[in-house]
Amino acid sequence: MLELVPGIEVVAELPVTYIRSHKAIVLADVHIGYEEEVSLKGGYIPRFQLRHTMKILEESFSQVKAERVIFAGDLKHLFNTLGRVERVELLQLLNYVKKYVNEVVVVRGNHDNFLPVLRKWVDFSIVESYLAQPYLVVHGHKPLNLQELPQQWDYLVIGHEHPSIALRDPIGIVGKFSCFLVGDTTIGKKLVVLPAVGAYQTGSKVTLSRDTYLSPIIRDYAVIESLKPIVVGADVGVLEFPTLGELYDIVG
């Protein structure tokens, strides 16, 4: 398995990481309930998100020995409610994960409103940040308030961005791929940005322009030129690219 930073590895060819010293699987941006939102707006897409996520987790559990699963935000999708189908699918997913591990943690994301209601039926934690020294996990949708965060961490793990990389040749774009981003920050910490797990969350294209990023953490603190994309997928395997600073002429 490819090591992103010391102690954090990509699980197989999945959009999932494993913190070996804490026996923790970490993944982000599952967005259970996305299909229900589309339906409420009059559209239709196949109900695939839950099955897709459970398949990824099943393969993860077969690859590593896990004692806890950390969802790095946006486990659910609907902003202003807990949808009927969303609730059923979230409970199904959480109960499935609890069969494999004793501890399930959701680091609250901007979509995770009403999630605490589910603790009536299944035991899991909801936190603003999760410290597994020397790693700190936040969702990434809020500015980084260093005074309010736990101390003694060297690596920051975030979601929210849904990063993807578009590659092109002289005749145009040849592909868009979800990816991890790993690089430096201006505060001396290493940054790991997780790809979205959700099947319909296709990703925000990474560029050299700071203003194009969704996460205020990336905009405020990342050394953009140092960010290195690592593409994962069953069709491409694990592909480690040079930094964005070196890729400037082929990043779409």
C-alpha atoms as a PDB file:
ATOM      1  CA  MET A   1       0.000   0.000   0.000  1.00  0.00           C
ATOM      2  CA  LEU A   2       1.244   3.455  -0.899  1.00  0.00           C
ATOM      3  CA  GLU A   3       2.219   5.631   2.076  1.00  0.00           C
ATOM      4  CA  LEU A   4       0.917   9.187   1.655  1.00  0.00           C
ATOM      5  CA  VAL A   5       2.744  10.545   4.695  1.00  0.00           C
ATOM      6  CA  PRO A   6       4.527   8.559   7.391  1.00  0.00           C
ATOM      7  CA  GLY A   7       1.966   6.227   8.979  1.00  0.00           C
ATOM      8  CA  ILE A   8      -0.976   6.911   6.617  1.00  0.00           C
ATOM      9  CA  GLU A   9      -1.469   4.549   3.691  1.00  0.00           C
ATOM     10  CA  VAL A  10      -3.871   4.261   0.774  1.00  0.00           C
ATOM     11  CA  VAL A  11      -5.956   1.105   1.185  1.00  0.00           C
ATOM     12  CA  ALA A  12      -5.526  -1.006  -1.961  1.00  0.00           C
ATOM     13  CA  GLU A  13      -6.827   1.093  -4.903  1.00  0.00           C
ATOM     14  CA  LEU A  14      -9.592   2.735  -2.874  1.00  0.00           C
ATOM     15  CA  PRO A  15     -10.383   6.353  -1.890  1.00  0.00           C
ATOM     16  CA  VAL A  16      -9.669   5.318   1.697  1.00  0.00           C
ATOM     17  CA  THR A  17      -6.721   5.708   4.072  1.00  0.00           C
ATOM     18  CA  TYR A  18      -5.461   3.632   6.964  1.00  0.00           C
ATOM     19  CA  ILE A  19      -3.681   5.063  10.002  1.00  0.00           C
ATOM     20  CA  ARG A  20      -1.633   2.036  10.968  1.00  0.00           C
ATOM     21  CA  SER A  21      -0.651   3.092  14.504  1.00  0.00           C
ATOM     22  CA  HIS A  22      -4.310   3.660  15.428  1.00  0.00           C
ATOM     23  CA  LYS A  23      -5.789   0.825  13.348  1.00  0.00           C
ATOM     24  CA  ALA A  24      -8.152   3.405  11.865  1.00  0.00           C
ATOM     25  CA  ILE A  25      -9.815   3.531   8.457  1.00  0.00           C
ATOM     26  CA  VAL A  26     -10.443   7.131   7.362  1.00  0.00           C
ATOM     27  CA  LEU A  27     -12.715   8.170   4.488  1.00  0.00           C
ATOM     28  CA  ALA A  28     -14.646  11.286   3.536  1.00  0.00           C
ATOM     29  CA  ASP A  29     -17.652  12.669   1.672  1.00  0.00           C
ATOM     30  CA  VAL A  30     -19.891   9.623   1.381  1.00  0.00           C
ATOM     31  CA  HIS A  31     -23.011  11.785   0.862  1.00  0.00           C
ATOM     32  CA  ILE A  32     -25.645   9.166   1.660  1.00  0.00           C
ATOM     33  CA  GLY A  33     -28.977  10.672   0.596  1.00  0.00           C
ATOM     34  CA  TYR A  34     -27.794  12.336  -2.596  1.00  0.00           C
ATOM     35  CA  GLU A  35     -30.224  10.348  -4.750  1.00  0.00           C
ATOM     36  CA  GLU A  36     -33.079  11.343  -2.455  1.00  0.00           C
ATOM     37  CA  GLU A  37     -32.281  15.032  -2.957  1.00  0.00           C
ATOM     38  CA  VAL A  38     -32.302  14.560  -6.730  1.00  0.00           C
ATOM     39  CA  SER A  39     -35.670  12.801  -6.425  1.00  0.00           C
ATOM     40  CA  LEU A  40     -37.114  15.592  -4.281  1.00  0.00           C
ATOM     41  CA  LYS A  41     -36.147  18.044  -7.019  1.00  0.00           C
ATOM     42  CA  GLY A  42     -37.984  16.005  -9.641  1.00  0.00           C
ATOM     43  CA  GLY A  43     -35.038  14.134 -11.110  1.00  0.00           C
ATOM     44  CA  TYR A  44     -33.974  10.520 -11.069  1.00  0.00           C
ATOM     45  CA  ILE A  45     -30.640   8.762 -10.758  1.00  0.00           C
ATOM     46  CA  PRO A  46     -30.049   5.121  -9.780  1.00  0.00           C
ATOM     47  CA  ARG A  47     -29.889   4.521  -6.027  1.00  0.00           C
ATOM     48  CA  PHE A  48     -26.269   3.455  -5.893  1.00  0.00           C
ATOM     49  CA  GLN A  49     -24.482   5.465  -3.198  1.00  0.00           C
ATOM     50  CA  LEU A  50     -25.051   3.092  -0.265  1.00  0.00           C
ATOM     51  CA  ARG A  51     -24.105  -0.039  -2.185  1.00  0.00           C
ATOM     52  CA  HIS A  52     -21.026   1.679  -3.584  1.00  0.00           C
ATOM     53  CA  THR A  53     -19.877   2.765  -0.110  1.00  0.00           C
ATOM     54  CA  MET A  54     -20.478  -0.634   1.473  1.00  0.00           C
ATOM     55  CA  LYS A  55     -18.463  -2.294  -1.277  1.00  0.00           C
ATOM     56  CA  ILE A  56     -15.550   0.068  -0.634  1.00  0.00           C
ATOM     57  CA  LEU A  57     -15.734  -0.589   3.111  1.00  0.00           C
ATOM     58  CA  GLU A  58     -16.008  -4.343   2.614  1.00  0.00           C
ATOM     59  CA  GLU A  59     -12.821  -4.338   0.572  1.00  0.00           C
ATOM     60  CA  SER A  60     -11.121  -2.071   3.109  1.00  0.00           C
ATOM     61  CA  PHE A  61     -11.951  -4.436   5.981  1.00  0.00           C
ATOM     62  CA  SER A  62     -10.522  -7.320   3.964  1.00  0.00           C
ATOM     63  CA  GLN A  63      -7.249  -5.443   3.415  1.00  0.00           C
ATOM     64  CA  VAL A  64      -6.434  -4.010   6.857  1.00  0.00           C
ATOM     65  CA  LYS A  65      -7.050  -4.779  10.507  1.00  0.00           C
ATOM     66  CA  ALA A  66      -9.294  -1.958  11.708  1.00  0.00           C
ATOM     67  CA  GLU A  67     -10.508  -1.143  15.198  1.00  0.00           C
ATOM     68  CA  ARG A  68     -12.220   2.148  14.278  1.00  0.00           C
ATOM     69  CA  VAL A  69     -13.671   3.929  11.273  1.00  0.00           C
ATOM     70  CA  ILE A  70     -13.459   7.703  10.989  1.00  0.00           C
ATOM     71  CA  PHE A  71     -15.768   9.450   8.531  1.00  0.00           C
ATOM     72  CA  ALA A  72     -14.083  12.781   7.822  1.00  0.00           C
ATOM     73  CA  GLY A  73     -17.334  14.658   7.254  1.00  0.00           C
ATOM     74  CA  ASP A  74     -20.375  14.710   4.970  1.00  0.00           C
ATOM     75  CA  LEU A  75     -21.539  11.214   5.771  1.00  0.00           C
ATOM     76  CA  LYS A  76     -25.037  12.415   4.835  1.00  0.00           C
ATOM     77  CA  HIS A  77     -26.162  14.746   2.091  1.00  0.00           C
ATOM     78  CA  LEU A  78     -29.460  16.571   2.691  1.00  0.00           C
ATOM     79  CA  PHE A  79     -28.823  19.972   4.302  1.00  0.00           C
ATOM     80  CA  ASN A  80     -32.123  20.955   5.842  1.00  0.00           C
ATOM     81  CA  THR A  81     -33.605  17.652   6.941  1.00  0.00           C
ATOM     82  CA  LEU A  82     -32.972  13.984   7.605  1.00  0.00           C
ATOM     83  CA  GLY A  83     -34.657  12.351   4.646  1.00  0.00           C
ATOM     84  CA  ARG A  84     -36.756   9.223   5.057  1.00  0.00           C
ATOM     85  CA  VAL A  85     -34.623   7.130   2.708  1.00  0.00           C
ATOM     86  CA  GLU A  86     -31.474   8.891   3.898  1.00  0.00           C
ATOM     87  CA  ARG A  87     -32.194   7.842   7.501  1.00  0.00           C
ATOM     88  CA  VAL A  88     -32.792   4.213   6.533  1.00  0.00           C
ATOM     89  CA  GLU A  89     -29.605   4.038   4.469  1.00  0.00           C
ATOM     90  CA  LEU A  90     -27.463   5.788   7.084  1.00  0.00           C
ATOM     91  CA  LEU A  91     -28.613   3.344   9.754  1.00  0.00           C
ATOM     92  CA  GLN A  92     -27.926   0.448   7.431  1.00  0.00           C
ATOM     93  CA  LEU A  93     -24.423   1.740   6.740  1.00  0.00           C
ATOM     94  CA  LEU A  94     -23.578   2.509  10.373  1.00  0.00           C
ATOM     95  CA  ASN A  95     -24.849  -0.857  11.585  1.00  0.00           C
ATOM     96  CA  TYR A  96     -22.820  -2.566   8.878  1.00  0.00           C
ATOM     97  CA  VAL A  97     -19.632  -0.781   9.981  1.00  0.00           C
ATOM     98  CA  LYS A  98     -20.331  -1.623  13.645  1.00  0.00           C
ATOM     99  CA  LYS A  99     -20.129  -5.320  12.758  1.00  0.00           C
ATOM    100  CA  TYR A 100     -16.430  -4.843  12.026  1.00  0.00           C
ATOM    101  CA  VAL A 101     -15.224  -2.213  14.507  1.00  0.00           C
ATOM    102  CA  ASN A 102     -15.983  -1.057  18.019  1.00  0.00           C
ATOM    103  CA  GLU A 103     -15.629   2.673  17.383  1.00  0.00           C
ATOM    104  CA  VAL A 104     -17.280   4.759  14.672  1.00  0.00           C
ATOM    105  CA  VAL A 105     -16.528   8.477  14.571  1.00  0.00           C
ATOM    106  CA  VAL A 106     -18.102  11.106  12.334  1.00  0.00           C
ATOM    107  CA  VAL A 107     -16.136  14.342  12.100  1.00  0.00           C
ATOM    108  CA  ARG A 108     -18.916  16.805  11.435  1.00  0.00           C
ATOM    109  CA  GLY A 109     -19.117  18.215   7.923  1.00  0.00           C
ATOM    110  CA  ASN A 110     -21.306  20.927   6.470  1.00  0.00           C
ATOM    111  CA  HIS A 111     -23.906  18.360   5.314  1.00  0.00           C
ATOM    112  CA  ASP A 112     -24.098  16.483   8.630  1.00  0.00           C
ATOM    113  CA  ASN A 113     -27.061  18.354  10.104  1.00  0.00           C
ATOM    114  CA  PHE A 114     -29.586  16.188  12.002  1.00  0.00           C
ATOM    115  CA  LEU A 115     -27.098  13.304  12.164  1.00  0.00           C
ATOM    116  CA  PRO A 116     -27.214  13.139  16.012  1.00  0.00           C
ATOM    117  CA  VAL A 117     -30.811  11.863  15.763  1.00  0.00           C
ATOM    118  CA  LEU A 118     -29.448   8.520  14.572  1.00  0.00           C
ATOM    119  CA  ARG A 119     -27.680   7.900  17.881  1.00  0.00           C
ATOM    120  CA  LYS A 120     -31.047   6.770  19.242  1.00  0.00           C
ATOM    121  CA  TRP A 121     -30.609   3.589  17.192  1.00  0.00           C
ATOM    122  CA  VAL A 122     -26.851   3.087  16.765  1.00  0.00           C
ATOM    123  CA  ASP A 123     -23.841   4.074  18.883  1.00  0.00           C
ATOM    124  CA  PHE A 124     -21.346   6.383  17.203  1.00  0.00           C
ATOM    125  CA  SER A 125     -19.552   9.633  18.010  1.00  0.00           C
ATOM    126  CA  ILE A 126     -19.945  13.024  16.337  1.00  0.00           C
ATOM    127  CA  VAL A 127     -17.049  15.454  16.832  1.00  0.00           C
ATOM    128  CA  GLU A 128     -15.762  18.687  15.333  1.00  0.00           C
ATOM    129  CA  SER A 129     -12.243  17.278  15.022  1.00  0.00           C
ATOM    130  CA  TYR A 130     -10.549  13.981  15.817  1.00  0.00           C
ATOM    131  CA  LEU A 131      -7.024  13.732  17.161  1.00  0.00           C
ATOM    132  CA  ALA A 132      -5.123  10.510  16.607  1.00  0.00           C
ATOM    133  CA  GLN A 133      -1.644  11.785  17.327  1.00  0.00           C
ATOM    134  CA  PRO A 134       0.223  12.910  15.335  1.00  0.00           C
ATOM    135  CA  TYR A 135      -2.754  13.145  12.948  1.00  0.00           C
ATOM    136  CA  LEU A 136      -5.665  15.589  13.175  1.00  0.00           C
ATOM    137  CA  VAL A 137      -8.821  14.967  11.143  1.00  0.00           C
ATOM    138  CA  VAL A 138     -11.261  17.786  10.316  1.00  0.00           C
ATOM    139  CA  HIS A 139     -13.773  18.041   7.492  1.00  0.00           C
ATOM    140  CA  GLY A 140     -12.242  21.140   5.929  1.00  0.00           C
ATOM    141  CA  HIS A 141     -15.274  23.370   5.321  1.00  0.00           C
ATOM    142  CA  LYS A 142     -14.366  25.861   8.064  1.00  0.00           C
ATOM    143  CA  PRO A 143     -11.344  28.134   8.452  1.00  0.00           C
ATOM    144  CA  LEU A 144      -8.676  26.601  10.638  1.00  0.00           C
ATOM    145  CA  ASN A 145      -8.843  28.062  14.151  1.00  0.00           C
ATOM    146  CA  LEU A 146      -5.526  26.951  15.600  1.00  0.00           C
ATOM    147  CA  GLN A 147      -6.406  28.236  19.091  1.00  0.00           C
ATOM    148  CA  GLU A 148      -9.469  25.998  19.335  1.00  0.00           C
ATOM    149  CA  LEU A 149      -7.925  22.842  17.882  1.00  0.00           C
ATOM    150  CA  PRO A 150      -6.164  20.119  19.879  1.00  0.00           C
ATOM    151  CA  GLN A 151      -2.408  20.522  20.174  1.00  0.00           C
ATOM    152  CA  GLN A 152       0.451  18.171  19.308  1.00  0.00           C
ATOM    153  CA  TRP A 153      -0.276  17.159  15.726  1.00  0.00           C
ATOM    154  CA  ASP A 154       1.922  17.197  12.650  1.00  0.00           C
ATOM    155  CA  TYR A 155      -0.417  16.016   9.893  1.00  0.00           C
ATOM    156  CA  LEU A 156      -3.797  17.469   8.950  1.00  0.00           C
ATOM    157  CA  VAL A 157      -6.299  15.199   7.176  1.00  0.00           C
ATOM    158  CA  ILE A 158      -9.329  16.828   5.527  1.00  0.00           C
ATOM    159  CA  GLY A 159     -12.186  16.074   3.138  1.00  0.00           C
ATOM    160  CA  HIS A 160     -14.684  18.545   1.658  1.00  0.00           C
ATOM    161  CA  GLU A 161     -12.661  19.409  -1.427  1.00  0.00           C
ATOM    162  CA  HIS A 162     -13.557  16.320  -3.550  1.00  0.00           C
ATOM    163  CA  PRO A 163     -10.286  16.771  -5.462  1.00  0.00           C
ATOM    164  CA  SER A 164      -9.866  15.465  -8.973  1.00  0.00           C
ATOM    165  CA  ILE A 165      -7.266  15.982 -11.629  1.00  0.00           C
ATOM    166  CA  ALA A 166      -7.947  16.571 -15.309  1.00  0.00           C
ATOM    167  CA  LEU A 167      -5.146  15.575 -17.639  1.00  0.00           C
ATOM    168  CA  ARG A 168      -4.848  16.692 -21.223  1.00  0.00           C
ATOM    169  CA  ASP A 169      -2.781  16.138 -24.296  1.00  0.00           C
ATOM    170  CA  PRO A 170      -2.366  18.464 -27.292  1.00  0.00           C
ATOM    171  CA  ILE A 171      -5.853  17.635 -28.583  1.00  0.00           C
ATOM    172  CA  GLY A 172      -7.740  18.154 -25.302  1.00  0.00           C
ATOM    173  CA  ILE A 173      -8.684  16.627 -21.974  1.00  0.00           C
ATOM    174  CA  VAL A 174      -8.200  12.874 -21.910  1.00  0.00           C
ATOM    175  CA  GLY A 175      -9.494  12.082 -18.437  1.00  0.00           C
ATOM    176  CA  LYS A 176     -10.674  13.293 -15.047  1.00  0.00           C
ATOM    177  CA  PHE A 177      -9.742  11.260 -11.980  1.00  0.00           C
ATOM    178  CA  SER A 178     -10.499  11.538  -8.263  1.00  0.00           C
ATOM    179  CA  CYS A 179      -7.340  11.894  -6.266  1.00  0.00           C
ATOM    180  CA  PHE A 180      -5.692  12.428  -2.929  1.00  0.00           C
ATOM    181  CA  LEU A 181      -3.658  15.589  -2.475  1.00  0.00           C
ATOM    182  CA  VAL A 182      -0.572  15.600  -0.259  1.00  0.00           C
ATOM    183  CA  GLY A 183       1.626  18.594   0.385  1.00  0.00           C
ATOM    184  CA  ASP A 184       2.976  21.307   2.621  1.00  0.00           C
ATOM    185  CA  THR A 185       1.344  24.147   4.522  1.00  0.00           C
ATOM    186  CA  THR A 186       2.535  27.543   5.626  1.00  0.00           C
ATOM    187  CA  ILE A 187       2.174  26.487   9.297  1.00  0.00           C
ATOM    188  CA  GLY A 188       4.699  23.677   9.072  1.00  0.00           C
ATOM    189  CA  LYS A 189       2.165  20.826   8.985  1.00  0.00           C
ATOM    190  CA  LYS A 190       1.720  18.251   6.245  1.00  0.00           C
ATOM    191  CA  LEU A 191      -1.684  18.232   4.549  1.00  0.00           C
ATOM    192  CA  VAL A 192      -3.595  15.199   3.271  1.00  0.00           C
ATOM    193  CA  VAL A 193      -6.788  15.873   1.292  1.00  0.00           C
ATOM    194  CA  LEU A 194      -9.062  12.862   0.856  1.00  0.00           C
ATOM    195  CA  PRO A 195     -11.029  12.139  -2.321  1.00  0.00           C
ATOM    196  CA  ALA A 196     -14.800  11.841  -2.100  1.00  0.00           C
ATOM    197  CA  VAL A 197     -16.128   8.316  -1.624  1.00  0.00           C
ATOM    198  CA  GLY A 198     -19.597   9.181  -2.964  1.00  0.00           C
ATOM    199  CA  ALA A 199     -20.136   7.744  -6.412  1.00  0.00           C
ATOM    200  CA  TYR A 200     -21.879  10.894  -7.642  1.00  0.00           C
ATOM    201  CA  GLN A 201     -19.407  13.369  -6.131  1.00  0.00           C
ATOM    202  CA  THR A 202     -17.227  13.664  -9.200  1.00  0.00           C
ATOM    203  CA  GLY A 203     -14.773  16.159  -7.808  1.00  0.00           C
ATOM    204  CA  SER A 204     -13.390  19.663  -7.960  1.00  0.00           C
ATOM    205  CA  LYS A 205     -10.579  20.081 -10.468  1.00  0.00           C
ATOM    206  CA  VAL A 206      -7.231  20.879  -8.856  1.00  0.00           C
ATOM    207  CA  THR A 207      -5.394  23.872 -10.263  1.00  0.00           C
ATOM    208  CA  LEU A 208      -2.570  26.226  -9.372  1.00  0.00           C
ATOM    209  CA  SER A 209      -5.065  29.005  -8.624  1.00  0.00           C
ATOM    210  CA  ARG A 210      -5.704  29.278  -4.876  1.00  0.00           C
ATOM    211  CA  ASP A 211      -9.113  30.893  -5.381  1.00  0.00           C
ATOM    212  CA  THR A 212     -10.538  27.829  -7.154  1.00  0.00           C
ATOM    213  CA  TYR A 213     -10.429  25.606  -4.046  1.00  0.00           C
ATOM    214  CA  LEU A 214     -13.524  24.981  -1.915  1.00  0.00           C
ATOM    215  CA  SER A 215     -11.789  24.445   1.408  1.00  0.00           C
ATOM    216  CA  PRO A 216     -10.666  27.580   3.263  1.00  0.00           C
ATOM    217  CA  ILE A 217      -7.902  25.455   4.767  1.00  0.00           C
ATOM    218  CA  ILE A 218      -6.398  24.884   1.330  1.00  0.00           C
ATOM    219  CA  ARG A 219      -6.946  28.504   0.305  1.00  0.00           C
ATOM    220  CA  ASP A 220      -5.426  29.907   3.510  1.00  0.00           C
ATOM    221  CA  TYR A 221      -2.630  27.483   4.356  1.00  0.00           C
ATOM    222  CA  ALA A 222      -1.695  25.088   1.550  1.00  0.00           C
ATOM    223  CA  VAL A 223       1.454  25.587  -0.466  1.00  0.00           C
ATOM    224  CA  ILE A 224      -0.410  24.924  -3.708  1.00  0.00           C
ATOM    225  CA  GLU A 225       2.673  24.216  -5.829  1.00  0.00           C
ATOM    226  CA  SER A 226       3.707  21.478  -3.370  1.00  0.00           C
ATOM    227  CA  LEU A 227       0.451  19.521  -3.600  1.00  0.00           C
ATOM    228  CA  LYS A 228       0.963  16.109  -5.137  1.00  0.00           C
ATOM    229  CA  PRO A 229      -2.047  14.296  -6.685  1.00  0.00           C
ATOM    230  CA  ILE A 230      -2.346  10.552  -6.108  1.00  0.00           C
ATOM    231  CA  VAL A 231      -5.039   9.052  -8.324  1.00  0.00           C
ATOM    232  CA  VAL A 232      -6.831   5.887  -7.191  1.00  0.00           C
ATOM    233  CA  GLY A 233      -9.316   3.658  -8.972  1.00  0.00           C
ATOM    234  CA  ALA A 234      -9.998   0.102 -10.022  1.00  0.00           C
ATOM    235  CA  ASP A 235      -9.377   0.989 -13.666  1.00  0.00           C
ATOM    236  CA  VAL A 236      -6.097   2.857 -13.133  1.00  0.00           C
ATOM    237  CA  GLY A 237      -4.721   1.469  -9.855  1.00  0.00           C
ATOM    238  CA  VAL A 238      -2.702   3.947  -7.793  1.00  0.00           C
ATOM    239  CA  LEU A 239      -0.894   6.635  -9.769  1.00  0.00           C
ATOM    240  CA  GLU A 240       1.434   9.070  -8.030  1.00  0.00           C
ATOM    241  CA  PHE A 241       1.970  12.287  -9.969  1.00  0.00           C
ATOM    242  CA  PRO A 242       4.566  15.032  -9.567  1.00  0.00           C
ATOM    243  CA  THR A 243       3.587  18.123  -7.600  1.00  0.00           C
ATOM    244  CA  LEU A 244       1.201  20.653  -9.130  1.00  0.00           C
ATOM    245  CA  GLY A 245       4.123  23.008  -9.509  1.00  0.00           C
ATOM    246  CA  GLU A 246       5.790  20.475 -11.793  1.00  0.00           C
ATOM    247  CA  LEU A 247       2.545  19.570 -13.553  1.00  0.00           C
ATOM    248  CA  TYR A 248       1.528  23.133 -14.450  1.00  0.00           C
ATOM    249  CA  ASP A 249       1.689  22.517 -18.196  1.00  0.00           C
ATOM    250  CA  ILE A 250      -0.607  19.461 -18.225  1.00  0.00           C
ATOM    251  CA  VAL A 251      -3.130  20.260 -15.482  1.00  0.00           C
ATOM    252  CA  GLY A 252      -6.431  20.992 -17.175  1.00  0.00           C
END
